[in-house]
């Protein structure tokens, strides 16, 4: 399962919301998910530290995107 975006308002951060969200996904396994995947800005050290503390692992792959025309 690819988590495309996760945004927590600045005033609500550091309260365990993201951690609870990922715990919910792991417990409920929507769509019979076998893994959780996400992208993180390489300069966002706080987010990377959070995700790794939850159990996400860095992968040696790059994500490529091909945007389709909207017309």
PDB file of N, CA and C in Angstrom:
ATOM      1  N   UNK A   1       0.852  -1.150   0.000  1.00  0.00           N
ATOM      2  CA  UNK A   1       0.000   0.000   0.000  1.00  0.00           C
ATOM      3  C   UNK A   1       0.899   1.215   0.000  1.00  0.00           C
ATOM      4  N   UNK A   2       0.674   2.097  -0.967  1.00  0.00           N
ATOM      5  CA  UNK A   2       1.489   3.302  -1.083  1.00  0.00           C
ATOM      6  C   UNK A   2       0.757   4.444  -0.396  1.00  0.00           C
ATOM      7  N   UNK A   3       1.372   5.003   0.626  1.00  0.00           N
ATOM      8  CA  UNK A   3       0.826   6.171   1.310  1.00  0.00           C
ATOM      9  C   UNK A   3       1.368   7.379   0.562  1.00  0.00           C
ATOM     10  N   UNK A   4       0.485   8.035  -0.177  1.00  0.00           N
ATOM     11  CA  UNK A   4       0.912   9.114  -1.060  1.00  0.00           C
ATOM     12  C   UNK A   4       1.231  10.392  -0.304  1.00  0.00           C
ATOM     13  N   UNK A   5       0.414  10.785   0.621  1.00  0.00           N
ATOM     14  CA  UNK A   5       0.649  12.012   1.365  1.00  0.00           C
ATOM     15  C   UNK A   5       0.212  11.817   2.811  1.00  0.00           C
ATOM     16  N   UNK A   6       0.981  12.364   3.707  1.00  0.00           N
ATOM     17  CA  UNK A   6       0.609  12.399   5.116  1.00  0.00           C
ATOM     18  C   UNK A   6       0.979  13.782   5.611  1.00  0.00           C
ATOM     19  N   UNK A   7      -0.020  14.525   6.031  1.00  0.00           N
ATOM     20  CA  UNK A   7       0.239  15.872   6.526  1.00  0.00           C
ATOM     21  C   UNK A   7      -0.458  16.045   7.857  1.00  0.00           C
ATOM     22  N   UNK A   8       0.301  16.449   8.843  1.00  0.00           N
ATOM     23  CA  UNK A   8      -0.240  16.765  10.161  1.00  0.00           C
ATOM     24  C   UNK A   8       0.007  18.250  10.389  1.00  0.00           C
ATOM     25  N   UNK A   9      -1.039  18.956  10.763  1.00  0.00           N
ATOM     26  CA  UNK A   9      -0.903  20.385  11.019  1.00  0.00           C
ATOM     27  C   UNK A   9       0.216  20.639  12.024  1.00  0.00           C
ATOM     28  N   UNK A  10       0.983  21.698  11.806  1.00  0.00           N
ATOM     29  CA  UNK A  10       2.112  21.971  12.707  1.00  0.00           C
ATOM     30  C   UNK A  10       1.724  21.984  14.186  1.00  0.00           C
ATOM     31  N   UNK A  11       0.572  22.552  14.505  1.00  0.00           N
ATOM     32  CA  UNK A  11       0.171  22.642  15.910  1.00  0.00           C
ATOM     33  C   UNK A  11      -0.239  21.288  16.493  1.00  0.00           C
ATOM     34  N   UNK A  12      -0.424  20.279  15.644  1.00  0.00           N
ATOM     35  CA  UNK A  12      -0.830  18.951  16.119  1.00  0.00           C
ATOM     36  C   UNK A  12       0.315  17.937  16.055  1.00  0.00           C
ATOM     37  N   UNK A  13       1.484  18.367  15.652  1.00  0.00           N
ATOM     38  CA  UNK A  13       2.611  17.442  15.510  1.00  0.00           C
ATOM     39  C   UNK A  13       3.181  17.026  16.860  1.00  0.00           C
ATOM     40  N   UNK A  14       3.925  15.941  16.835  1.00  0.00           N
ATOM     41  CA  UNK A  14       4.583  15.384  18.023  1.00  0.00           C
ATOM     42  C   UNK A  14       3.587  14.922  19.076  1.00  0.00           C
ATOM     43  N   UNK A  15       2.426  14.471  18.623  1.00  0.00           N
ATOM     44  CA  UNK A  15       1.406  13.935  19.526  1.00  0.00           C
ATOM     45  C   UNK A  15       1.077  12.480  19.209  1.00  0.00           C
ATOM     46  N   UNK A  16       1.847  11.877  18.305  1.00  0.00           N
ATOM     47  CA  UNK A  16       1.653  10.465  17.995  1.00  0.00           C
ATOM     48  C   UNK A  16       0.625  10.184  16.910  1.00  0.00           C
ATOM     49  N   UNK A  17       0.149  11.205  16.217  1.00  0.00           N
ATOM     50  CA  UNK A  17      -0.890  11.009  15.203  1.00  0.00           C
ATOM     51  C   UNK A  17      -0.388  10.125  14.065  1.00  0.00           C
ATOM     52  N   UNK A  18       0.782  10.421  13.530  1.00  0.00           N
ATOM     53  CA  UNK A  18       1.329   9.620  12.424  1.00  0.00           C
ATOM     54  C   UNK A  18       1.593   8.188  12.886  1.00  0.00           C
ATOM     55  N   UNK A  19       2.141   8.049  14.071  1.00  0.00           N
ATOM     56  CA  UNK A  19       2.435   6.723  14.615  1.00  0.00           C
ATOM     57  C   UNK A  19       1.146   5.909  14.761  1.00  0.00           C
ATOM     58  N   UNK A  20       0.078   6.540  15.255  1.00  0.00           N
ATOM     59  CA  UNK A  20      -1.211   5.858  15.400  1.00  0.00           C
ATOM     60  C   UNK A  20      -1.804   5.505  14.035  1.00  0.00           C
ATOM     61  N   UNK A  21      -1.629   6.400  13.062  1.00  0.00           N
ATOM     62  CA  UNK A  21      -2.143   6.139  11.719  1.00  0.00           C
ATOM     63  C   UNK A  21      -1.490   4.890  11.130  1.00  0.00           C
ATOM     64  N   UNK A  22      -0.169   4.790  11.230  1.00  0.00           N
ATOM     65  CA  UNK A  22       0.522   3.628  10.676  1.00  0.00           C
ATOM     66  C   UNK A  22       0.229   2.368  11.477  1.00  0.00           C
ATOM     67  N   UNK A  23       0.021   2.494  12.774  1.00  0.00           N
ATOM     68  CA  UNK A  23      -0.376   1.334  13.576  1.00  0.00           C
ATOM     69  C   UNK A  23      -1.751   0.843  13.129  1.00  0.00           C
ATOM     70  N   UNK A  24      -2.658   1.774  12.844  1.00  0.00           N
ATOM     71  CA  UNK A  24      -3.984   1.408  12.339  1.00  0.00           C
ATOM     72  C   UNK A  24      -3.871   0.668  11.010  1.00  0.00           C
ATOM     73  N   UNK A  25      -3.056   1.190  10.095  1.00  0.00           N
ATOM     74  CA  UNK A  25      -2.885   0.527   8.798  1.00  0.00           C
ATOM     75  C   UNK A  25      -2.285  -0.863   8.963  1.00  0.00           C
ATOM     76  N   UNK A  26      -1.306  -0.993   9.836  1.00  0.00           N
ATOM     77  CA  UNK A  26      -0.679  -2.298  10.049  1.00  0.00           C
ATOM     78  C   UNK A  26      -1.668  -3.296  10.643  1.00  0.00           C
ATOM     79  N   UNK A  27      -2.526  -2.827  11.535  1.00  0.00           N
ATOM     80  CA  UNK A  27      -3.484  -3.717  12.188  1.00  0.00           C
ATOM     81  C   UNK A  27      -4.652  -4.078  11.271  1.00  0.00           C
ATOM     82  N   UNK A  28      -5.127  -3.105  10.493  1.00  0.00           N
ATOM     83  CA  UNK A  28      -6.323  -3.344   9.671  1.00  0.00           C
ATOM     84  C   UNK A  28      -5.996  -3.881   8.282  1.00  0.00           C
ATOM     85  N   UNK A  29      -4.758  -3.655   7.819  1.00  0.00           N
ATOM     86  CA  UNK A  29      -4.297  -4.123   6.505  1.00  0.00           C
ATOM     87  C   UNK A  29      -5.344  -3.931   5.412  1.00  0.00           C
ATOM     88  N   UNK A  30      -5.714  -2.666   5.144  1.00  0.00           N
ATOM     89  CA  UNK A  30      -6.706  -2.433   4.093  1.00  0.00           C
ATOM     90  C   UNK A  30      -6.238  -2.994   2.751  1.00  0.00           C
ATOM     91  N   UNK A  31      -7.191  -3.482   1.982  1.00  0.00           N
ATOM     92  CA  UNK A  31      -6.913  -4.074   0.671  1.00  0.00           C
ATOM     93  C   UNK A  31      -5.970  -5.271   0.778  1.00  0.00           C
ATOM     94  N   UNK A  32      -5.907  -5.883   1.957  1.00  0.00           N
ATOM     95  CA  UNK A  32      -4.998  -7.010   2.217  1.00  0.00           C
ATOM     96  C   UNK A  32      -3.540  -6.643   1.923  1.00  0.00           C
ATOM     97  N   UNK A  33      -3.185  -5.452   2.282  1.00  0.00           N
ATOM     98  CA  UNK A  33      -1.838  -4.941   2.018  1.00  0.00           C
ATOM     99  C   UNK A  33      -0.781  -5.853   2.619  1.00  0.00           C
ATOM    100  N   UNK A  34       0.293  -6.026   1.886  1.00  0.00           N
ATOM    101  CA  UNK A  34       1.434  -6.835   2.335  1.00  0.00           C
ATOM    102  C   UNK A  34       2.565  -5.972   2.859  1.00  0.00           C
ATOM    103  N   UNK A  35       2.549  -4.692   2.481  1.00  0.00           N
ATOM    104  CA  UNK A  35       3.609  -3.773   2.910  1.00  0.00           C
ATOM    105  C   UNK A  35       3.079  -2.351   2.815  1.00  0.00           C
ATOM    106  N   UNK A  36       3.707  -1.463   3.558  1.00  0.00           N
ATOM    107  CA  UNK A  36       3.419  -0.035   3.454  1.00  0.00           C
ATOM    108  C   UNK A  36       4.624   0.630   2.825  1.00  0.00           C
ATOM    109  N   UNK A  37       4.376   1.537   1.908  1.00  0.00           N
ATOM    110  CA  UNK A  37       5.439   2.238   1.193  1.00  0.00           C
ATOM    111  C   UNK A  37       5.115   3.720   1.227  1.00  0.00           C
ATOM    112  N   UNK A  38       6.142   4.544   1.360  1.00  0.00           N
ATOM    113  CA  UNK A  38       5.937   5.984   1.288  1.00  0.00           C
ATOM    114  C   UNK A  38       7.191   6.641   0.748  1.00  0.00           C
ATOM    115  N   UNK A  39       7.035   7.874   0.356  1.00  0.00           N
ATOM    116  CA  UNK A  39       8.173   8.695  -0.058  1.00  0.00           C
ATOM    117  C   UNK A  39       8.350   9.782   0.978  1.00  0.00           C
ATOM    118  N   UNK A  40       9.566  10.226   1.125  1.00  0.00           N
ATOM    119  CA  UNK A  40       9.849  11.328   2.047  1.00  0.00           C
ATOM    120  C   UNK A  40      10.897  12.215   1.396  1.00  0.00           C
ATOM    121  N   UNK A  41      10.725  13.504   1.579  1.00  0.00           N
ATOM    122  CA  UNK A  41      11.688  14.476   1.065  1.00  0.00           C
ATOM    123  C   UNK A  41      13.046  14.162   1.697  1.00  0.00           C
ATOM    124  N   UNK A  42      14.084  14.017   0.895  1.00  0.00           N
ATOM    125  CA  UNK A  42      15.385  13.640   1.455  1.00  0.00           C
ATOM    126  C   UNK A  42      15.948  14.665   2.448  1.00  0.00           C
ATOM    127  N   UNK A  43      15.418  15.878   2.446  1.00  0.00           N
ATOM    128  CA  UNK A  43      15.900  16.894   3.386  1.00  0.00           C
ATOM    129  C   UNK A  43      15.080  16.927   4.679  1.00  0.00           C
ATOM    130  N   UNK A  44      14.008  16.143   4.756  1.00  0.00           N
ATOM    131  CA  UNK A  44      13.136  16.152   5.931  1.00  0.00           C
ATOM    132  C   UNK A  44      13.623  15.118   6.943  1.00  0.00           C
ATOM    133  N   UNK A  45      14.634  15.494   7.701  1.00  0.00           N
ATOM    134  CA  UNK A  45      15.250  14.569   8.658  1.00  0.00           C
ATOM    135  C   UNK A  45      14.280  14.154   9.760  1.00  0.00           C
ATOM    136  N   UNK A  46      13.426  15.068  10.193  1.00  0.00           N
ATOM    137  CA  UNK A  46      12.462  14.739  11.252  1.00  0.00           C
ATOM    138  C   UNK A  46      11.525  13.624  10.793  1.00  0.00           C
ATOM    139  N   UNK A  47      11.000  13.750   9.577  1.00  0.00           N
ATOM    140  CA  UNK A  47      10.087  12.724   9.051  1.00  0.00           C
ATOM    141  C   UNK A  47      10.826  11.404   8.850  1.00  0.00           C
ATOM    142  N   UNK A  48      12.035  11.446   8.306  1.00  0.00           N
ATOM    143  CA  UNK A  48      12.791  10.212   8.100  1.00  0.00           C
ATOM    144  C   UNK A  48      13.051   9.498   9.424  1.00  0.00           C
ATOM    145  N   UNK A  49      13.393  10.265  10.453  1.00  0.00           N
ATOM    146  CA  UNK A  49      13.625   9.675  11.774  1.00  0.00           C
ATOM    147  C   UNK A  49      12.350   9.034  12.307  1.00  0.00           C
ATOM    148  N   UNK A  50      11.221   9.716  12.140  1.00  0.00           N
ATOM    149  CA  UNK A  50       9.940   9.169  12.585  1.00  0.00           C
ATOM    150  C   UNK A  50       9.642   7.861  11.863  1.00  0.00           C
ATOM    151  N   UNK A  51       9.691   7.875  10.534  1.00  0.00           N
ATOM    152  CA  UNK A  51       9.341   6.689   9.759  1.00  0.00           C
ATOM    153  C   UNK A  51      10.250   5.506  10.088  1.00  0.00           C
ATOM    154  N   UNK A  52      11.537   5.762  10.242  1.00  0.00           N
ATOM    155  CA  UNK A  52      12.458   4.680  10.575  1.00  0.00           C
ATOM    156  C   UNK A  52      12.186   4.152  11.982  1.00  0.00           C
ATOM    157  N   UNK A  53      11.768   5.023  12.909  1.00  0.00           N
ATOM    158  CA  UNK A  53      11.462   4.555  14.266  1.00  0.00           C
ATOM    159  C   UNK A  53      10.212   3.680  14.282  1.00  0.00           C
ATOM    160  N   UNK A  54       9.324   3.877  13.310  1.00  0.00           N
ATOM    161  CA  UNK A  54       8.119   3.052  13.190  1.00  0.00           C
ATOM    162  C   UNK A  54       8.478   1.686  12.608  1.00  0.00           C
ATOM    163  N   UNK A  55       9.538   1.638  11.791  1.00  0.00           N
ATOM    164  CA  UNK A  55       9.953   0.376  11.189  1.00  0.00           C
ATOM    165  C   UNK A  55      10.151   0.433   9.691  1.00  0.00           C
ATOM    166  N   UNK A  56       9.910   1.604   9.087  1.00  0.00           N
ATOM    167  CA  UNK A  56      10.179   1.741   7.655  1.00  0.00           C
ATOM    168  C   UNK A  56      11.680   1.633   7.429  1.00  0.00           C
ATOM    169  N   UNK A  57      12.055   1.010   6.323  1.00  0.00           N
ATOM    170  CA  UNK A  57      13.459   0.832   5.980  1.00  0.00           C
ATOM    171  C   UNK A  57      13.770   1.576   4.689  1.00  0.00           C
ATOM    172  N   UNK A  58      14.948   2.150   4.647  1.00  0.00           N
ATOM    173  CA  UNK A  58      15.389   2.804   3.407  1.00  0.00           C
ATOM    174  C   UNK A  58      15.657   1.737   2.362  1.00  0.00           C
ATOM    175  N   UNK A  59      15.275   2.039   1.145  1.00  0.00           N
ATOM    176  CA  UNK A  59      15.467   1.102   0.036  1.00  0.00           C
ATOM    177  C   UNK A  59      16.479   1.695  -0.944  1.00  0.00           C
ATOM    178  N   UNK A  60      17.195   0.853  -1.669  1.00  0.00           N
ATOM    179  CA  UNK A  60      18.203   1.359  -2.597  1.00  0.00           C
ATOM    180  C   UNK A  60      17.633   1.745  -3.965  1.00  0.00           C
ATOM    181  N   UNK A  61      16.327   1.964  -4.029  1.00  0.00           N
ATOM    182  CA  UNK A  61      15.693   2.263  -5.312  1.00  0.00           C
ATOM    183  C   UNK A  61      15.304   3.727  -5.397  1.00  0.00           C
ATOM    184  N   UNK A  62      15.140   4.201  -6.613  1.00  0.00           N
ATOM    185  CA  UNK A  62      14.625   5.538  -6.857  1.00  0.00           C
ATOM    186  C   UNK A  62      13.201   5.423  -7.376  1.00  0.00           C
ATOM    187  N   UNK A  63      12.383   6.399  -7.058  1.00  0.00           N
ATOM    188  CA  UNK A  63      11.028   6.432  -7.587  1.00  0.00           C
ATOM    189  C   UNK A  63      11.021   7.312  -8.825  1.00  0.00           C
ATOM    190  N   UNK A  64      10.471   6.801  -9.889  1.00  0.00           N
ATOM    191  CA  UNK A  64      10.353   7.550 -11.134  1.00  0.00           C
ATOM    192  C   UNK A  64       8.873   7.830 -11.392  1.00  0.00           C
ATOM    193  N   UNK A  65       8.591   8.966 -11.971  1.00  0.00           N
ATOM    194  CA  UNK A  65       7.213   9.340 -12.264  1.00  0.00           C
ATOM    195  C   UNK A  65       7.096   9.729 -13.720  1.00  0.00           C
ATOM    196  N   UNK A  66       6.069   9.264 -14.357  1.00  0.00           N
ATOM    197  CA  UNK A  66       5.744   9.626 -15.725  1.00  0.00           C
ATOM    198  C   UNK A  66       4.354  10.249 -15.696  1.00  0.00           C
ATOM    199  N   UNK A  67       4.280  11.542 -15.888  1.00  0.00           N
ATOM    200  CA  UNK A  67       2.996  12.225 -15.830  1.00  0.00           C
ATOM    201  C   UNK A  67       2.257  12.103 -17.162  1.00  0.00           C
ATOM    202  N   UNK A  68       1.031  11.682 -17.081  1.00  0.00           N
ATOM    203  CA  UNK A  68       0.191  11.548 -18.265  1.00  0.00           C
ATOM    204  C   UNK A  68      -0.466  12.875 -18.587  1.00  0.00           C
ATOM    205  N   UNK A  69      -0.714  13.111 -19.830  1.00  0.00           N
ATOM    206  CA  UNK A  69      -1.362  14.340 -20.243  1.00  0.00           C
ATOM    207  C   UNK A  69      -2.773  14.384 -19.664  1.00  0.00           C
ATOM    208  N   UNK A  70      -3.207  15.552 -19.265  1.00  0.00           N
ATOM    209  CA  UNK A  70      -4.561  15.705 -18.723  1.00  0.00           C
ATOM    210  C   UNK A  70      -5.555  16.051 -19.812  1.00  0.00           C
ATOM    211  N   UNK A  71      -5.113  16.051 -21.042  1.00  0.00           N
ATOM    212  CA  UNK A  71      -6.013  16.427 -22.153  1.00  0.00           C
ATOM    213  C   UNK A  71      -6.381  15.242 -22.987  1.00  0.00           C
TER     214      UNK A  71
END
